[in-house]
Structures are given as structure tokens and as C-alpha cells.
Amino acid sequence: MSGALLCTGPNNAGVTPADVQVASGGQLDATVAGGGQVGQDPAEREEDNGMVGRQRIEMRVPGLPAPLSHYTDAVQFGDILFVSGLTPLDENARLVGEDDVVAQARQVHVNLEKVLTHAGASFADVLKVTVFLIDIGDRTKINDVRREYFGSARPASTLLEVSALAVPGMLVEIEAVVGLSG
């Protein structure tokens, strides 16, 4: 489903493929939570998950490696985009910058830029990041990379030192919350 948006949520009865723009010319696969299809009468769906009137869009972004487990690259809910933890893996799932936290941080920001571009946003739209580091002392090493991508924008931020990350050799992972306009 590369390059596709999965539009879910129980109240998408009137949503058509024309209602959802797919960046980079991806294919659209629209289904509704509870197993229904877009355009299906909500009464015919199995459940509404308490999301009546809200649209939830799952995004798989071209140029990112496939998710490591059961998640997607980002989920848009209204005008908020929740970006899954981004890894220093290239599009072929190869670790970039083995033993080099700066190179890894740069790849993570390259991957974040792909998600932002796909969603029609920029680094200035990032509201919050959570940074996971294997060594908290690496914070100062990655600050220049962060400034390079964020410029004068300063998102809210949480920094955590962790004992391990999902892929052996990873030194950094970053997740983000983004405000989308219009």
C-alpha cells in the first residue's frame, strides 16, 4: 500500500476518493473502522468506536522503510498529525550512520521531512517532539542537526534516555505531533 492513505473512522459515509488528497500520486484505499466501506450507511457498520463525526487518516509515506510491526507512519485526526517514532533507516531499511549519532539524527530528520511533506506540512508546523537516545550525553551532539531542520521554530520537546531501541545499532529515534492547517 505504498503511497496510499487509509481513511478510517465510522462517520466517513460521504467521503469519496476526491475528498482525500494523496500526496506524491499514491493510490487511495479508503475503508472505515469496524470493517465498513466509505459511502456505507453507518447503521450497517459493526461499531463506531466513539469517533462519530471525526475523520482518522492513516498514512504510509513513500520513501520510508516499511513499519517494523503493526503501526503506520503517521495518523491524522482532524488538524493534528501524530508521527510514529522515526528511525535512522533509509528507504531500504538499512541503518544509516552506524555508531554515529549525528548521522543517525540527520537521517531521522530526513525521514521526518518526508512525512511532513507528504502531509503538506513543514518543520515550522511541528508542535512537539519526543527524542529517544541510547546515551543522554548525545543531546548536545544532535542539537545542530535539529537547528538545521527546524530553523527558528522551537517545538515543545521531551528527551528520554532508553536502554535500547527497536533496531540493533540505533542510537536515536524521534516521534512528533504536528499541527496541520486548513
N, C-alpha and C. Protein backbone atom coordinates (compact mmCIF):
# COMPACT_ATOMS: atom_id res chain seq x y z
N MET A 1 0.82 -1.18 0.00
CA MET A 1 0.00 0.00 0.00
C MET A 1 0.87 1.25 0.00
N SER A 2 2.04 1.19 -0.55
CA SER A 2 2.96 2.31 -0.57
C SER A 2 2.33 3.52 -1.24
N GLY A 3 2.45 4.67 -0.59
CA GLY A 3 1.93 5.89 -1.16
C GLY A 3 0.44 6.05 -1.00
N ALA A 4 -0.18 5.22 -0.19
CA ALA A 4 -1.63 5.27 -0.04
C ALA A 4 -2.01 5.86 1.29
N LEU A 5 -3.21 6.40 1.34
CA LEU A 5 -3.80 6.83 2.60
C LEU A 5 -4.91 5.85 2.92
N LEU A 6 -5.03 5.48 4.16
CA LEU A 6 -6.12 4.63 4.59
C LEU A 6 -7.02 5.51 5.42
N CYS A 7 -8.18 5.83 4.91
CA CYS A 7 -9.11 6.74 5.57
C CYS A 7 -10.07 5.91 6.39
N THR A 8 -9.98 6.02 7.72
CA THR A 8 -10.83 5.22 8.57
C THR A 8 -11.63 6.10 9.51
N GLY A 9 -12.62 5.53 10.12
CA GLY A 9 -13.50 6.25 11.04
C GLY A 9 -14.92 5.97 10.66
N PRO A 10 -15.79 5.80 11.63
CA PRO A 10 -17.13 5.33 11.38
C PRO A 10 -18.05 6.33 10.70
N ASN A 11 -17.67 7.59 10.62
CA ASN A 11 -18.60 8.57 10.06
C ASN A 11 -18.10 9.11 8.73
N ASN A 12 -17.46 8.29 7.95
CA ASN A 12 -16.94 8.73 6.66
C ASN A 12 -17.88 8.40 5.51
N ALA A 13 -19.17 8.29 5.80
CA ALA A 13 -20.13 7.85 4.80
C ALA A 13 -20.10 8.70 3.54
N GLY A 14 -19.85 10.00 3.67
CA GLY A 14 -19.87 10.85 2.50
C GLY A 14 -18.51 11.07 1.87
N VAL A 15 -17.47 10.45 2.39
CA VAL A 15 -16.13 10.67 1.88
C VAL A 15 -15.93 9.89 0.59
N THR A 16 -15.39 10.56 -0.39
CA THR A 16 -15.07 9.91 -1.66
C THR A 16 -13.57 10.06 -1.88
N PRO A 17 -13.00 9.30 -2.79
CA PRO A 17 -11.57 9.46 -3.06
C PRO A 17 -11.19 10.89 -3.40
N ALA A 18 -12.10 11.65 -4.01
CA ALA A 18 -11.81 13.03 -4.35
C ALA A 18 -11.68 13.91 -3.11
N ASP A 19 -12.27 13.47 -2.00
CA ASP A 19 -12.22 14.24 -0.75
C ASP A 19 -10.88 14.12 -0.05
N VAL A 20 -10.08 13.13 -0.38
CA VAL A 20 -8.80 12.91 0.28
C VAL A 20 -7.71 13.08 -0.75
N GLN A 21 -6.82 14.05 -0.51
CA GLN A 21 -5.72 14.26 -1.44
C GLN A 21 -4.59 13.32 -1.08
N VAL A 22 -4.03 12.67 -2.05
CA VAL A 22 -2.92 11.77 -1.83
C VAL A 22 -1.67 12.41 -2.39
N ALA A 23 -0.76 12.77 -1.48
CA ALA A 23 0.50 13.38 -1.92
C ALA A 23 1.31 12.37 -2.71
N SER A 24 2.09 12.80 -3.60
CA SER A 24 3.00 12.03 -4.44
C SER A 24 2.28 11.00 -5.31
N GLY A 25 1.02 11.25 -5.63
CA GLY A 25 0.32 10.42 -6.60
C GLY A 25 0.05 9.01 -6.16
N GLY A 26 -0.01 8.78 -4.86
CA GLY A 26 -0.24 7.44 -4.34
C GLY A 26 -1.63 6.94 -4.63
N GLN A 27 -1.84 5.70 -4.38
CA GLN A 27 -3.12 5.04 -4.59
C GLN A 27 -3.96 5.22 -3.34
N LEU A 28 -5.27 5.34 -3.47
CA LEU A 28 -6.15 5.54 -2.32
C LEU A 28 -6.87 4.24 -1.99
N ASP A 29 -6.80 3.86 -0.72
CA ASP A 29 -7.54 2.71 -0.22
C ASP A 29 -8.34 3.22 0.97
N ALA A 30 -9.62 3.45 0.79
CA ALA A 30 -10.43 4.04 1.86
C ALA A 30 -11.35 2.99 2.45
N THR A 31 -11.18 2.73 3.73
CA THR A 31 -12.07 1.84 4.46
C THR A 31 -12.45 2.51 5.76
N VAL A 32 -13.43 1.97 6.42
CA VAL A 32 -13.97 2.57 7.63
C VAL A 32 -13.72 1.65 8.81
N ALA A 33 -13.41 2.24 9.96
CA ALA A 33 -13.24 1.44 11.17
C ALA A 33 -14.47 0.58 11.37
N GLY A 34 -14.28 -0.63 11.83
CA GLY A 34 -15.39 -1.55 12.02
C GLY A 34 -15.64 -2.38 10.77
N GLY A 35 -14.82 -2.18 9.75
CA GLY A 35 -14.92 -3.04 8.58
C GLY A 35 -15.78 -2.51 7.46
N GLY A 36 -16.42 -1.36 7.61
CA GLY A 36 -17.27 -0.83 6.57
C GLY A 36 -16.47 -0.18 5.46
N GLN A 37 -17.13 0.21 4.42
CA GLN A 37 -16.51 0.90 3.31
C GLN A 37 -16.97 2.34 3.29
N VAL A 38 -16.16 3.21 2.70
CA VAL A 38 -16.56 4.59 2.53
C VAL A 38 -17.85 4.61 1.73
N GLY A 39 -18.80 5.42 2.16
CA GLY A 39 -20.09 5.51 1.49
C GLY A 39 -21.13 4.57 2.07
N GLN A 40 -20.73 3.66 2.94
CA GLN A 40 -21.66 2.71 3.55
C GLN A 40 -22.47 3.41 4.62
N ASP A 41 -23.74 3.06 4.74
CA ASP A 41 -24.61 3.60 5.79
C ASP A 41 -24.02 3.25 7.15
N PRO A 42 -23.81 4.26 8.04
CA PRO A 42 -23.22 3.99 9.34
C PRO A 42 -23.98 2.93 10.15
N ALA A 43 -25.27 2.81 9.95
CA ALA A 43 -26.06 1.81 10.68
C ALA A 43 -25.67 0.40 10.30
N GLU A 44 -25.05 0.23 9.12
CA GLU A 44 -24.65 -1.10 8.66
C GLU A 44 -23.28 -1.50 9.16
N ARG A 45 -22.58 -0.60 9.82
CA ARG A 45 -21.24 -0.90 10.30
C ARG A 45 -21.29 -1.60 11.64
N GLU A 46 -20.24 -2.36 11.93
CA GLU A 46 -20.20 -3.15 13.15
C GLU A 46 -20.11 -2.31 14.41
N GLU A 47 -19.35 -1.21 14.40
CA GLU A 47 -19.15 -0.39 15.59
C GLU A 47 -18.75 1.00 15.17
N ASP A 48 -18.88 1.97 16.12
CA ASP A 48 -18.47 3.33 15.78
C ASP A 48 -17.25 3.79 16.56
N ASN A 49 -16.76 3.00 17.50
CA ASN A 49 -15.55 3.31 18.26
C ASN A 49 -15.56 4.70 18.88
N GLY A 50 -16.74 5.31 19.04
CA GLY A 50 -16.84 6.61 19.67
C GLY A 50 -16.26 7.75 18.85
N MET A 51 -16.06 7.54 17.56
CA MET A 51 -15.43 8.56 16.72
C MET A 51 -16.41 9.17 15.72
N VAL A 52 -17.70 9.16 16.03
CA VAL A 52 -18.69 9.70 15.11
C VAL A 52 -18.36 11.17 14.82
N GLY A 53 -18.35 11.51 13.55
CA GLY A 53 -18.10 12.88 13.14
C GLY A 53 -16.63 13.24 13.03
N ARG A 54 -15.73 12.33 13.28
CA ARG A 54 -14.30 12.61 13.22
C ARG A 54 -13.66 11.73 12.15
N GLN A 55 -12.71 12.29 11.45
CA GLN A 55 -12.04 11.54 10.40
C GLN A 55 -10.63 11.17 10.84
N ARG A 56 -10.28 9.92 10.68
CA ARG A 56 -8.97 9.40 11.04
C ARG A 56 -8.32 8.89 9.77
N ILE A 57 -7.14 9.41 9.45
CA ILE A 57 -6.45 9.03 8.22
C ILE A 57 -5.09 8.44 8.57
N GLU A 58 -4.86 7.21 8.18
CA GLU A 58 -3.57 6.56 8.38
C GLU A 58 -2.72 6.81 7.14
N MET A 59 -1.46 7.16 7.35
CA MET A 59 -0.57 7.48 6.23
C MET A 59 0.63 6.54 6.18
N ARG A 60 0.87 6.00 5.00
CA ARG A 60 2.13 5.32 4.70
C ARG A 60 2.84 6.25 3.73
N VAL A 61 4.05 6.62 4.04
CA VAL A 61 4.76 7.64 3.30
C VAL A 61 5.79 7.00 2.36
N PRO A 62 5.72 7.34 1.06
CA PRO A 62 6.72 6.83 0.12
C PRO A 62 8.12 7.26 0.54
N GLY A 63 9.08 6.34 0.41
CA GLY A 63 10.46 6.65 0.73
C GLY A 63 10.86 6.32 2.16
N LEU A 64 9.90 5.84 2.96
CA LEU A 64 10.23 5.38 4.31
C LEU A 64 10.27 3.86 4.31
N PRO A 65 11.06 3.28 5.21
CA PRO A 65 11.06 1.82 5.30
C PRO A 65 9.71 1.33 5.80
N ALA A 66 9.38 0.09 5.51
CA ALA A 66 8.13 -0.49 6.00
C ALA A 66 8.13 -0.50 7.53
N PRO A 67 6.97 -0.30 8.14
CA PRO A 67 6.90 -0.37 9.60
C PRO A 67 7.43 -1.71 10.12
N LEU A 68 8.05 -1.65 11.31
CA LEU A 68 8.64 -2.85 11.91
C LEU A 68 7.60 -3.78 12.52
N SER A 69 6.41 -3.25 12.81
CA SER A 69 5.34 -4.07 13.38
C SER A 69 4.00 -3.47 12.98
N HIS A 70 2.99 -3.63 13.80
CA HIS A 70 1.62 -3.22 13.46
C HIS A 70 1.38 -1.74 13.78
N TYR A 71 1.87 -0.87 12.93
CA TYR A 71 1.64 0.57 13.04
C TYR A 71 1.80 1.18 11.66
N THR A 72 1.51 2.47 11.57
CA THR A 72 1.68 3.18 10.32
C THR A 72 2.59 4.38 10.55
N ASP A 73 3.04 5.03 9.48
CA ASP A 73 3.99 6.13 9.61
C ASP A 73 3.42 7.32 10.37
N ALA A 74 2.15 7.63 10.11
CA ALA A 74 1.51 8.77 10.78
C ALA A 74 0.01 8.58 10.74
N VAL A 75 -0.66 9.22 11.69
CA VAL A 75 -2.13 9.22 11.72
C VAL A 75 -2.59 10.66 11.87
N GLN A 76 -3.44 11.07 10.94
CA GLN A 76 -4.05 12.40 11.02
C GLN A 76 -5.41 12.25 11.66
N PHE A 77 -5.69 13.10 12.64
CA PHE A 77 -7.00 13.14 13.28
C PHE A 77 -7.39 14.60 13.35
N GLY A 78 -8.32 15.00 12.50
CA GLY A 78 -8.66 16.41 12.40
C GLY A 78 -7.45 17.16 11.86
N ASP A 79 -7.04 18.22 12.58
CA ASP A 79 -5.91 19.01 12.11
C ASP A 79 -4.63 18.70 12.88
N ILE A 80 -4.58 17.53 13.49
CA ILE A 80 -3.39 17.09 14.21
C ILE A 80 -2.82 15.84 13.52
N LEU A 81 -1.52 15.82 13.34
CA LEU A 81 -0.84 14.67 12.75
C LEU A 81 0.09 14.08 13.81
N PHE A 82 -0.09 12.79 14.09
CA PHE A 82 0.75 12.07 15.04
C PHE A 82 1.74 11.23 14.22
N VAL A 83 3.02 11.53 14.36
CA VAL A 83 4.06 10.85 13.59
C VAL A 83 4.70 9.78 14.47
N SER A 84 4.67 8.55 13.99
CA SER A 84 5.30 7.44 14.71
C SER A 84 6.79 7.69 14.88
N GLY A 85 7.39 7.00 15.83
CA GLY A 85 8.83 7.12 16.05
C GLY A 85 9.58 6.87 14.76
N LEU A 86 10.38 7.83 14.35
CA LEU A 86 11.16 7.71 13.12
C LEU A 86 12.56 7.24 13.43
N THR A 87 13.03 6.35 12.59
CA THR A 87 14.30 5.67 12.80
C THR A 87 15.36 6.17 11.82
N PRO A 88 16.61 5.90 12.09
CA PRO A 88 17.68 6.29 11.16
C PRO A 88 17.88 5.22 10.08
N LEU A 89 16.77 4.73 9.54
CA LEU A 89 16.83 3.74 8.47
C LEU A 89 16.50 4.41 7.15
N ASP A 90 17.19 4.00 6.08
CA ASP A 90 16.86 4.53 4.77
C ASP A 90 15.66 3.77 4.21
N GLU A 91 15.25 4.13 3.00
CA GLU A 91 14.04 3.52 2.42
C GLU A 91 14.18 2.01 2.19
N ASN A 92 15.41 1.50 2.20
CA ASN A 92 15.63 0.05 2.06
C ASN A 92 15.83 -0.63 3.41
N ALA A 93 15.50 0.09 4.48
CA ALA A 93 15.57 -0.41 5.86
C ALA A 93 17.01 -0.69 6.31
N ARG A 94 17.97 0.03 5.72
CA ARG A 94 19.37 -0.08 6.14
C ARG A 94 19.68 1.02 7.15
N LEU A 95 20.36 0.66 8.23
CA LEU A 95 20.77 1.62 9.24
C LEU A 95 21.77 2.60 8.64
N VAL A 96 21.52 3.89 8.80
CA VAL A 96 22.41 4.94 8.32
C VAL A 96 23.23 5.44 9.52
N GLY A 97 24.53 5.56 9.35
CA GLY A 97 25.38 6.14 10.38
C GLY A 97 25.65 5.24 11.56
N GLU A 98 26.00 4.02 11.30
CA GLU A 98 26.31 3.10 12.41
C GLU A 98 27.34 3.74 13.34
N ASP A 99 27.06 3.75 14.63
CA ASP A 99 27.92 4.32 15.67
C ASP A 99 28.12 5.84 15.55
N ASP A 100 27.30 6.52 14.75
CA ASP A 100 27.43 7.96 14.56
C ASP A 100 26.07 8.61 14.82
N VAL A 101 25.86 9.12 16.04
CA VAL A 101 24.56 9.66 16.42
C VAL A 101 24.18 10.88 15.58
N VAL A 102 25.15 11.66 15.11
CA VAL A 102 24.85 12.82 14.29
C VAL A 102 24.31 12.38 12.93
N ALA A 103 24.96 11.42 12.29
CA ALA A 103 24.48 10.89 11.01
C ALA A 103 23.10 10.26 11.18
N GLN A 104 22.89 9.55 12.29
CA GLN A 104 21.58 8.94 12.53
C GLN A 104 20.51 10.01 12.74
N ALA A 105 20.83 11.05 13.51
CA ALA A 105 19.87 12.13 13.73
C ALA A 105 19.51 12.82 12.42
N ARG A 106 20.49 12.99 11.56
CA ARG A 106 20.22 13.61 10.25
C ARG A 106 19.26 12.74 9.45
N GLN A 107 19.47 11.41 9.44
CA GLN A 107 18.57 10.52 8.70
C GLN A 107 17.16 10.54 9.30
N VAL A 108 17.07 10.61 10.61
CA VAL A 108 15.74 10.70 11.25
C VAL A 108 15.04 11.98 10.78
N HIS A 109 15.77 13.10 10.72
CA HIS A 109 15.16 14.35 10.27
C HIS A 109 14.81 14.31 8.78
N VAL A 110 15.62 13.64 7.98
CA VAL A 110 15.28 13.43 6.56
C VAL A 110 13.95 12.67 6.48
N ASN A 111 13.81 11.64 7.30
CA ASN A 111 12.57 10.86 7.29
C ASN A 111 11.39 11.68 7.79
N LEU A 112 11.60 12.51 8.81
CA LEU A 112 10.53 13.38 9.30
C LEU A 112 10.13 14.37 8.21
N GLU A 113 11.09 14.89 7.48
CA GLU A 113 10.77 15.81 6.39
C GLU A 113 9.90 15.13 5.33
N LYS A 114 10.13 13.85 5.06
CA LYS A 114 9.30 13.11 4.10
C LYS A 114 7.86 13.03 4.60
N VAL A 115 7.69 12.76 5.88
CA VAL A 115 6.33 12.69 6.45
C VAL A 115 5.66 14.06 6.38
N LEU A 116 6.38 15.09 6.79
CA LEU A 116 5.81 16.44 6.78
C LEU A 116 5.40 16.86 5.36
N THR A 117 6.28 16.63 4.40
CA THR A 117 5.98 16.98 3.01
C THR A 117 4.76 16.21 2.52
N HIS A 118 4.69 14.94 2.84
CA HIS A 118 3.55 14.10 2.44
C HIS A 118 2.24 14.64 3.00
N ALA A 119 2.30 15.18 4.21
CA ALA A 119 1.10 15.70 4.87
C ALA A 119 0.83 17.17 4.54
N GLY A 120 1.69 17.79 3.75
CA GLY A 120 1.51 19.19 3.41
C GLY A 120 1.93 20.13 4.53
N ALA A 121 2.89 19.70 5.33
CA ALA A 121 3.35 20.49 6.47
C ALA A 121 4.85 20.75 6.35
N SER A 122 5.38 21.48 7.33
CA SER A 122 6.81 21.77 7.37
C SER A 122 7.29 21.66 8.82
N PHE A 123 8.57 21.83 9.01
CA PHE A 123 9.12 21.77 10.37
C PHE A 123 8.53 22.87 11.25
N ALA A 124 8.12 23.99 10.67
CA ALA A 124 7.50 25.07 11.43
C ALA A 124 6.15 24.64 12.02
N ASP A 125 5.55 23.60 11.47
CA ASP A 125 4.25 23.11 11.95
C ASP A 125 4.37 22.07 13.06
N VAL A 126 5.59 21.64 13.37
CA VAL A 126 5.79 20.63 14.41
C VAL A 126 5.55 21.27 15.77
N LEU A 127 4.59 20.69 16.51
CA LEU A 127 4.23 21.23 17.82
C LEU A 127 5.08 20.63 18.93
N LYS A 128 5.38 19.32 18.82
CA LYS A 128 6.11 18.63 19.88
C LYS A 128 6.89 17.47 19.29
N VAL A 129 8.08 17.25 19.84
CA VAL A 129 8.85 16.06 19.51
C VAL A 129 9.19 15.33 20.81
N THR A 130 9.33 14.03 20.68
CA THR A 130 9.88 13.21 21.76
C THR A 130 11.10 12.53 21.18
N VAL A 131 12.23 12.76 21.82
CA VAL A 131 13.51 12.23 21.34
C VAL A 131 13.95 11.12 22.29
N PHE A 132 14.26 9.97 21.71
CA PHE A 132 14.75 8.82 22.47
C PHE A 132 16.22 8.62 22.10
N LEU A 133 17.09 8.67 23.10
CA LEU A 133 18.53 8.48 22.89
C LEU A 133 19.02 7.32 23.74
N ILE A 134 19.95 6.56 23.19
CA ILE A 134 20.61 5.50 23.96
C ILE A 134 21.53 6.12 25.00
N ASP A 135 22.16 7.25 24.66
CA ASP A 135 23.06 7.95 25.58
C ASP A 135 22.62 9.40 25.69
N ILE A 136 22.11 9.78 26.84
CA ILE A 136 21.60 11.15 27.06
C ILE A 136 22.68 12.19 26.78
N GLY A 137 23.94 11.81 26.91
CA GLY A 137 25.05 12.72 26.62
C GLY A 137 25.13 13.12 25.16
N ASP A 138 24.43 12.40 24.27
CA ASP A 138 24.43 12.72 22.84
C ASP A 138 23.53 13.90 22.50
N ARG A 139 22.78 14.39 23.47
CA ARG A 139 21.86 15.51 23.23
C ARG A 139 22.58 16.69 22.57
N THR A 140 23.71 17.06 23.10
CA THR A 140 24.43 18.21 22.55
C THR A 140 24.96 17.93 21.14
N LYS A 141 25.24 16.67 20.85
CA LYS A 141 25.75 16.31 19.52
C LYS A 141 24.68 16.46 18.44
N ILE A 142 23.42 16.24 18.80
CA ILE A 142 22.36 16.28 17.77
C ILE A 142 21.67 17.63 17.68
N ASN A 143 21.97 18.55 18.60
CA ASN A 143 21.31 19.86 18.58
C ASN A 143 21.53 20.63 17.28
N ASP A 144 22.73 20.57 16.71
CA ASP A 144 22.99 21.29 15.47
C ASP A 144 22.15 20.74 14.32
N VAL A 145 21.96 19.42 14.29
CA VAL A 145 21.11 18.81 13.25
C VAL A 145 19.68 19.31 13.42
N ARG A 146 19.23 19.34 14.66
CA ARG A 146 17.87 19.81 14.94
C ARG A 146 17.69 21.26 14.48
N ARG A 147 18.65 22.13 14.80
CA ARG A 147 18.58 23.53 14.37
C ARG A 147 18.60 23.65 12.84
N GLU A 148 19.38 22.79 12.20
CA GLU A 148 19.47 22.80 10.73
C GLU A 148 18.10 22.57 10.10
N TYR A 149 17.30 21.69 10.66
CA TYR A 149 16.00 21.36 10.09
C TYR A 149 14.88 22.26 10.61
N PHE A 150 14.89 22.61 11.88
CA PHE A 150 13.81 23.40 12.46
C PHE A 150 14.01 24.90 12.29
N GLY A 151 15.24 25.34 12.03
CA GLY A 151 15.49 26.77 11.90
C GLY A 151 15.11 27.48 13.19
N SER A 152 14.35 28.55 13.07
CA SER A 152 13.97 29.32 14.26
C SER A 152 12.75 28.72 14.98
N ALA A 153 12.08 27.75 14.37
CA ALA A 153 10.92 27.12 15.02
C ALA A 153 11.40 26.27 16.20
N ARG A 154 10.70 26.37 17.31
CA ARG A 154 11.07 25.62 18.51
C ARG A 154 9.86 24.82 18.99
N PRO A 155 9.82 23.53 18.68
CA PRO A 155 8.70 22.73 19.17
C PRO A 155 8.86 22.43 20.65
N ALA A 156 7.77 22.11 21.31
CA ALA A 156 7.88 21.55 22.65
C ALA A 156 8.64 20.24 22.51
N SER A 157 9.37 19.83 23.55
CA SER A 157 10.23 18.67 23.39
C SER A 157 10.40 17.90 24.69
N THR A 158 10.46 16.60 24.55
CA THR A 158 10.79 15.71 25.66
C THR A 158 11.97 14.86 25.21
N LEU A 159 12.94 14.70 26.09
CA LEU A 159 14.13 13.90 25.80
C LEU A 159 14.20 12.76 26.80
N LEU A 160 14.34 11.55 26.30
CA LEU A 160 14.41 10.38 27.15
C LEU A 160 15.63 9.54 26.80
N GLU A 161 16.33 9.06 27.82
CA GLU A 161 17.38 8.07 27.60
C GLU A 161 16.74 6.70 27.77
N VAL A 162 17.01 5.81 26.82
CA VAL A 162 16.44 4.46 26.85
C VAL A 162 17.56 3.44 26.78
N SER A 163 17.28 2.24 27.23
CA SER A 163 18.32 1.20 27.23
C SER A 163 18.51 0.55 25.87
N ALA A 164 17.48 0.61 25.04
CA ALA A 164 17.57 0.00 23.70
C ALA A 164 16.48 0.58 22.81
N LEU A 165 16.70 0.49 21.51
CA LEU A 165 15.69 0.87 20.52
C LEU A 165 15.40 -0.35 19.65
N ALA A 166 14.41 -0.23 18.78
CA ALA A 166 13.87 -1.39 18.06
C ALA A 166 14.87 -2.11 17.15
N VAL A 167 15.81 -1.38 16.59
CA VAL A 167 16.77 -1.98 15.65
C VAL A 167 18.16 -1.92 16.28
N PRO A 168 18.86 -3.04 16.35
CA PRO A 168 20.22 -3.02 16.90
C PRO A 168 21.08 -1.99 16.18
N GLY A 169 21.82 -1.20 16.96
CA GLY A 169 22.68 -0.17 16.39
C GLY A 169 22.05 1.21 16.35
N MET A 170 20.73 1.27 16.51
CA MET A 170 20.08 2.58 16.54
C MET A 170 20.49 3.32 17.81
N LEU A 171 20.78 4.61 17.65
CA LEU A 171 21.17 5.45 18.77
C LEU A 171 20.12 6.52 19.08
N VAL A 172 19.22 6.79 18.12
CA VAL A 172 18.23 7.85 18.26
C VAL A 172 16.95 7.49 17.52
N GLU A 173 15.83 7.93 18.06
CA GLU A 173 14.51 7.80 17.42
C GLU A 173 13.72 9.03 17.84
N ILE A 174 12.92 9.57 16.93
CA ILE A 174 12.13 10.77 17.24
C ILE A 174 10.70 10.59 16.74
N GLU A 175 9.74 10.92 17.61
CA GLU A 175 8.34 10.97 17.21
C GLU A 175 7.89 12.42 17.30
N ALA A 176 6.78 12.76 16.61
CA ALA A 176 6.36 14.15 16.56
C ALA A 176 4.84 14.27 16.52
N VAL A 177 4.38 15.42 16.97
CA VAL A 177 2.98 15.84 16.84
C VAL A 177 2.99 17.13 16.03
N VAL A 178 2.16 17.18 14.99
CA VAL A 178 2.20 18.28 14.03
C VAL A 178 0.83 18.91 13.92
N GLY A 179 0.78 20.22 13.86
CA GLY A 179 -0.46 20.94 13.61
C GLY A 179 -0.60 21.19 12.11
N LEU A 180 -1.73 20.77 11.56
CA LEU A 180 -1.97 20.96 10.13
C LEU A 180 -2.96 22.11 9.93
N SER A 181 -2.76 22.90 8.91
CA SER A 181 -3.68 23.99 8.65
C SER A 181 -4.61 23.62 7.50
N GLY A 182 -5.79 24.20 7.56
CA GLY A 182 -6.78 24.07 6.51
C GLY A 182 -7.13 22.72 6.18
